[in-house]
Every structure is written in structure tokens, then in C-alpha cells.
N, C-alpha and C. Protein backbone atom coordinates (compact mmCIF):
# COMPACT_ATOMS: atom_id res chain seq x y z
N MET A 1 0.85 -1.17 0.00
CA MET A 1 0.00 0.00 0.00
C MET A 1 0.90 1.24 0.00
N THR A 2 0.53 2.26 -0.72
CA THR A 2 1.32 3.47 -0.75
C THR A 2 0.55 4.62 -0.12
N LEU A 3 1.30 5.56 0.41
CA LEU A 3 0.68 6.73 1.01
C LEU A 3 0.41 7.78 -0.06
N SER A 4 -0.64 8.53 0.13
CA SER A 4 -1.02 9.59 -0.79
C SER A 4 0.06 10.67 -0.84
N PRO A 5 0.43 11.13 -2.02
CA PRO A 5 1.40 12.23 -2.12
C PRO A 5 0.93 13.49 -1.37
N ASP A 6 -0.38 13.72 -1.34
CA ASP A 6 -0.91 14.87 -0.60
C ASP A 6 -0.66 14.72 0.90
N LEU A 7 -0.85 13.51 1.42
CA LEU A 7 -0.59 13.25 2.83
C LEU A 7 0.89 13.39 3.13
N LEU A 8 1.74 12.83 2.28
CA LEU A 8 3.19 12.92 2.49
C LEU A 8 3.67 14.37 2.51
N ALA A 9 3.05 15.22 1.71
CA ALA A 9 3.44 16.63 1.67
C ALA A 9 3.11 17.34 2.98
N LEU A 10 2.13 16.85 3.73
CA LEU A 10 1.72 17.47 4.99
C LEU A 10 2.48 16.96 6.20
N LEU A 11 2.93 15.71 6.14
CA LEU A 11 3.56 15.09 7.31
C LEU A 11 4.97 15.61 7.55
N VAL A 12 5.29 15.83 8.82
CA VAL A 12 6.65 16.17 9.24
C VAL A 12 6.97 15.34 10.48
N CYS A 13 8.23 15.24 10.79
CA CYS A 13 8.67 14.51 11.97
C CYS A 13 8.14 15.21 13.23
N PRO A 14 7.51 14.48 14.14
CA PRO A 14 7.01 15.12 15.36
C PRO A 14 8.13 15.60 16.29
N LYS A 15 9.32 15.07 16.14
CA LYS A 15 10.44 15.48 17.00
C LYS A 15 11.16 16.71 16.45
N SER A 16 11.55 16.66 15.17
CA SER A 16 12.37 17.74 14.60
C SER A 16 11.58 18.70 13.70
N LYS A 17 10.37 18.31 13.31
CA LYS A 17 9.54 19.08 12.37
C LYS A 17 10.14 19.10 10.96
N ALA A 18 11.07 18.21 10.70
CA ALA A 18 11.72 18.11 9.38
C ALA A 18 10.86 17.25 8.44
N PRO A 19 11.06 17.40 7.13
CA PRO A 19 10.33 16.56 6.18
C PRO A 19 10.72 15.10 6.30
N LEU A 20 9.83 14.23 5.84
CA LEU A 20 10.03 12.79 5.92
C LEU A 20 10.23 12.19 4.54
N GLU A 21 11.00 11.12 4.48
CA GLU A 21 11.18 10.35 3.25
C GLU A 21 10.33 9.10 3.35
N TYR A 22 9.60 8.80 2.29
CA TYR A 22 8.78 7.59 2.25
C TYR A 22 9.57 6.45 1.63
N HIS A 23 9.58 5.31 2.30
CA HIS A 23 10.19 4.09 1.77
C HIS A 23 9.09 3.04 1.72
N ALA A 24 8.80 2.56 0.49
CA ALA A 24 7.68 1.65 0.27
C ALA A 24 7.90 0.27 0.88
N GLY A 25 9.15 -0.05 1.19
CA GLY A 25 9.44 -1.28 1.90
C GLY A 25 9.42 -2.52 1.04
N PRO A 26 9.22 -3.67 1.60
CA PRO A 26 8.79 -3.85 2.98
C PRO A 26 9.94 -3.68 3.97
N PRO A 27 9.70 -3.25 5.15
CA PRO A 27 8.44 -2.70 5.64
C PRO A 27 8.25 -1.27 5.16
N GLU A 28 7.02 -0.85 5.12
CA GLU A 28 6.67 0.51 4.72
C GLU A 28 6.99 1.44 5.90
N VAL A 29 7.81 2.49 5.65
CA VAL A 29 8.23 3.39 6.73
C VAL A 29 8.37 4.82 6.23
N LEU A 30 8.46 5.73 7.19
CA LEU A 30 8.80 7.12 6.94
C LEU A 30 10.10 7.40 7.69
N VAL A 31 11.07 8.01 7.00
CA VAL A 31 12.40 8.24 7.57
C VAL A 31 12.62 9.73 7.78
N CYS A 32 13.12 10.09 8.96
CA CYS A 32 13.53 11.46 9.24
C CYS A 32 15.04 11.48 9.41
N ARG A 33 15.72 12.12 8.48
CA ARG A 33 17.18 12.22 8.54
C ARG A 33 17.62 13.18 9.65
N ALA A 34 16.85 14.22 9.90
CA ALA A 34 17.23 15.22 10.91
C ALA A 34 17.26 14.63 12.31
N SER A 35 16.26 13.83 12.66
CA SER A 35 16.23 13.25 14.00
C SER A 35 16.75 11.81 14.03
N GLN A 36 17.11 11.28 12.84
CA GLN A 36 17.65 9.93 12.73
C GLN A 36 16.67 8.88 13.26
N LEU A 37 15.37 9.05 12.90
CA LEU A 37 14.33 8.12 13.33
C LEU A 37 13.58 7.55 12.13
N VAL A 38 13.04 6.35 12.34
CA VAL A 38 12.22 5.67 11.33
C VAL A 38 10.85 5.41 11.95
N TYR A 39 9.81 5.92 11.29
CA TYR A 39 8.43 5.75 11.77
C TYR A 39 7.74 4.66 10.94
N PRO A 40 7.10 3.70 11.61
CA PRO A 40 6.42 2.63 10.86
C PRO A 40 5.13 3.13 10.22
N VAL A 41 4.74 2.44 9.15
CA VAL A 41 3.43 2.65 8.53
C VAL A 41 2.72 1.31 8.59
N GLN A 42 1.59 1.27 9.29
CA GLN A 42 0.86 0.01 9.47
C GLN A 42 -0.50 0.11 8.79
N ASP A 43 -0.75 -0.78 7.86
CA ASP A 43 -2.01 -0.80 7.11
C ASP A 43 -2.31 0.56 6.48
N GLY A 44 -1.26 1.21 5.97
CA GLY A 44 -1.43 2.50 5.30
C GLY A 44 -1.55 3.69 6.23
N ILE A 45 -1.37 3.47 7.54
CA ILE A 45 -1.50 4.54 8.53
C ILE A 45 -0.13 4.82 9.14
N PRO A 46 0.41 6.05 8.95
CA PRO A 46 1.69 6.40 9.57
C PRO A 46 1.55 6.46 11.10
N ILE A 47 2.44 5.79 11.78
CA ILE A 47 2.46 5.81 13.25
C ILE A 47 3.48 6.87 13.66
N MET A 48 3.00 8.08 13.90
CA MET A 48 3.88 9.23 14.12
C MET A 48 4.13 9.50 15.60
N LEU A 49 4.42 8.46 16.34
CA LEU A 49 4.72 8.58 17.77
C LEU A 49 6.22 8.39 17.96
N ILE A 50 6.86 9.32 18.63
CA ILE A 50 8.31 9.24 18.84
C ILE A 50 8.67 7.94 19.56
N ASP A 51 7.83 7.52 20.50
CA ASP A 51 8.10 6.29 21.25
C ASP A 51 8.01 5.03 20.39
N GLU A 52 7.30 5.11 19.26
CA GLU A 52 7.16 3.97 18.36
C GLU A 52 8.23 3.96 17.27
N ALA A 53 8.99 5.04 17.14
CA ALA A 53 10.03 5.15 16.11
C ALA A 53 11.25 4.32 16.51
N THR A 54 12.01 3.93 15.50
CA THR A 54 13.25 3.19 15.74
C THR A 54 14.42 4.02 15.20
N PRO A 55 15.62 3.79 15.73
CA PRO A 55 16.78 4.53 15.24
C PRO A 55 17.05 4.24 13.76
N LEU A 56 17.47 5.25 13.04
CA LEU A 56 17.76 5.12 11.62
C LEU A 56 19.07 4.37 11.42
N ASP A 57 19.02 3.35 10.57
CA ASP A 57 20.21 2.63 10.11
C ASP A 57 20.35 2.96 8.63
N GLU A 58 21.32 3.80 8.29
CA GLU A 58 21.46 4.26 6.90
C GLU A 58 21.88 3.16 5.95
N SER A 59 22.33 2.03 6.45
CA SER A 59 22.63 0.91 5.55
C SER A 59 21.33 0.25 5.10
N VAL A 60 20.28 0.36 5.89
CA VAL A 60 18.98 -0.19 5.54
C VAL A 60 18.18 0.82 4.72
N TYR A 61 18.24 2.10 5.11
CA TYR A 61 17.52 3.18 4.42
C TYR A 61 18.53 4.25 3.99
N PRO A 62 19.26 3.99 2.90
CA PRO A 62 20.27 4.96 2.46
C PRO A 62 19.61 6.25 1.96
N PRO A 63 20.32 7.37 2.03
CA PRO A 63 19.77 8.63 1.52
C PRO A 63 19.43 8.50 0.04
N SER A 64 18.35 9.14 -0.36
CA SER A 64 17.97 9.08 -1.77
C SER A 64 18.97 9.90 -2.58
N THR A 65 19.18 9.46 -3.81
CA THR A 65 20.15 10.13 -4.67
C THR A 65 19.46 10.86 -5.82
N VAL A 66 18.23 11.29 -5.57
CA VAL A 66 17.47 12.03 -6.59
C VAL A 66 18.09 13.40 -6.76
N VAL A 67 18.41 13.75 -8.01
CA VAL A 67 19.06 15.05 -8.28
C VAL A 67 18.06 15.99 -8.90
């Protein structure tokens, strides 16, 4: 399942207020590079709770190289 581009444009990290990167997965997640956190997406619903986020591992979610 993919998140709506309109929804993605509105979402920001609850900790840093920085923009999020969508990774379709599996697992489907939202990544915040500023706070180094990964937020899960369950059944198409972003779980935007800091306590539910996991630390970012850049080997698993490398920075996008879109120019």
C-alpha cells in the first residue's frame, strides 16, 4: 500500500519538524534524517509517535540520490 502524495506533503517529523522520506518497503516506513528516526506505517497509517520510532540505520535506508 502506498501513502497519498498529498498526505506525504503534509507530514513532518514530530520530533524535529523536518520533512520525511517515504520508503515503500517492505516494511513501509517514513524516515527522518534530521532526528535519525524511522516511523512505521501500518495498514497504510503512519504511526507518528516518537516512542514507536526506531533509530535510523542508513545501511537499511540509504539517503535518496534524486538530483
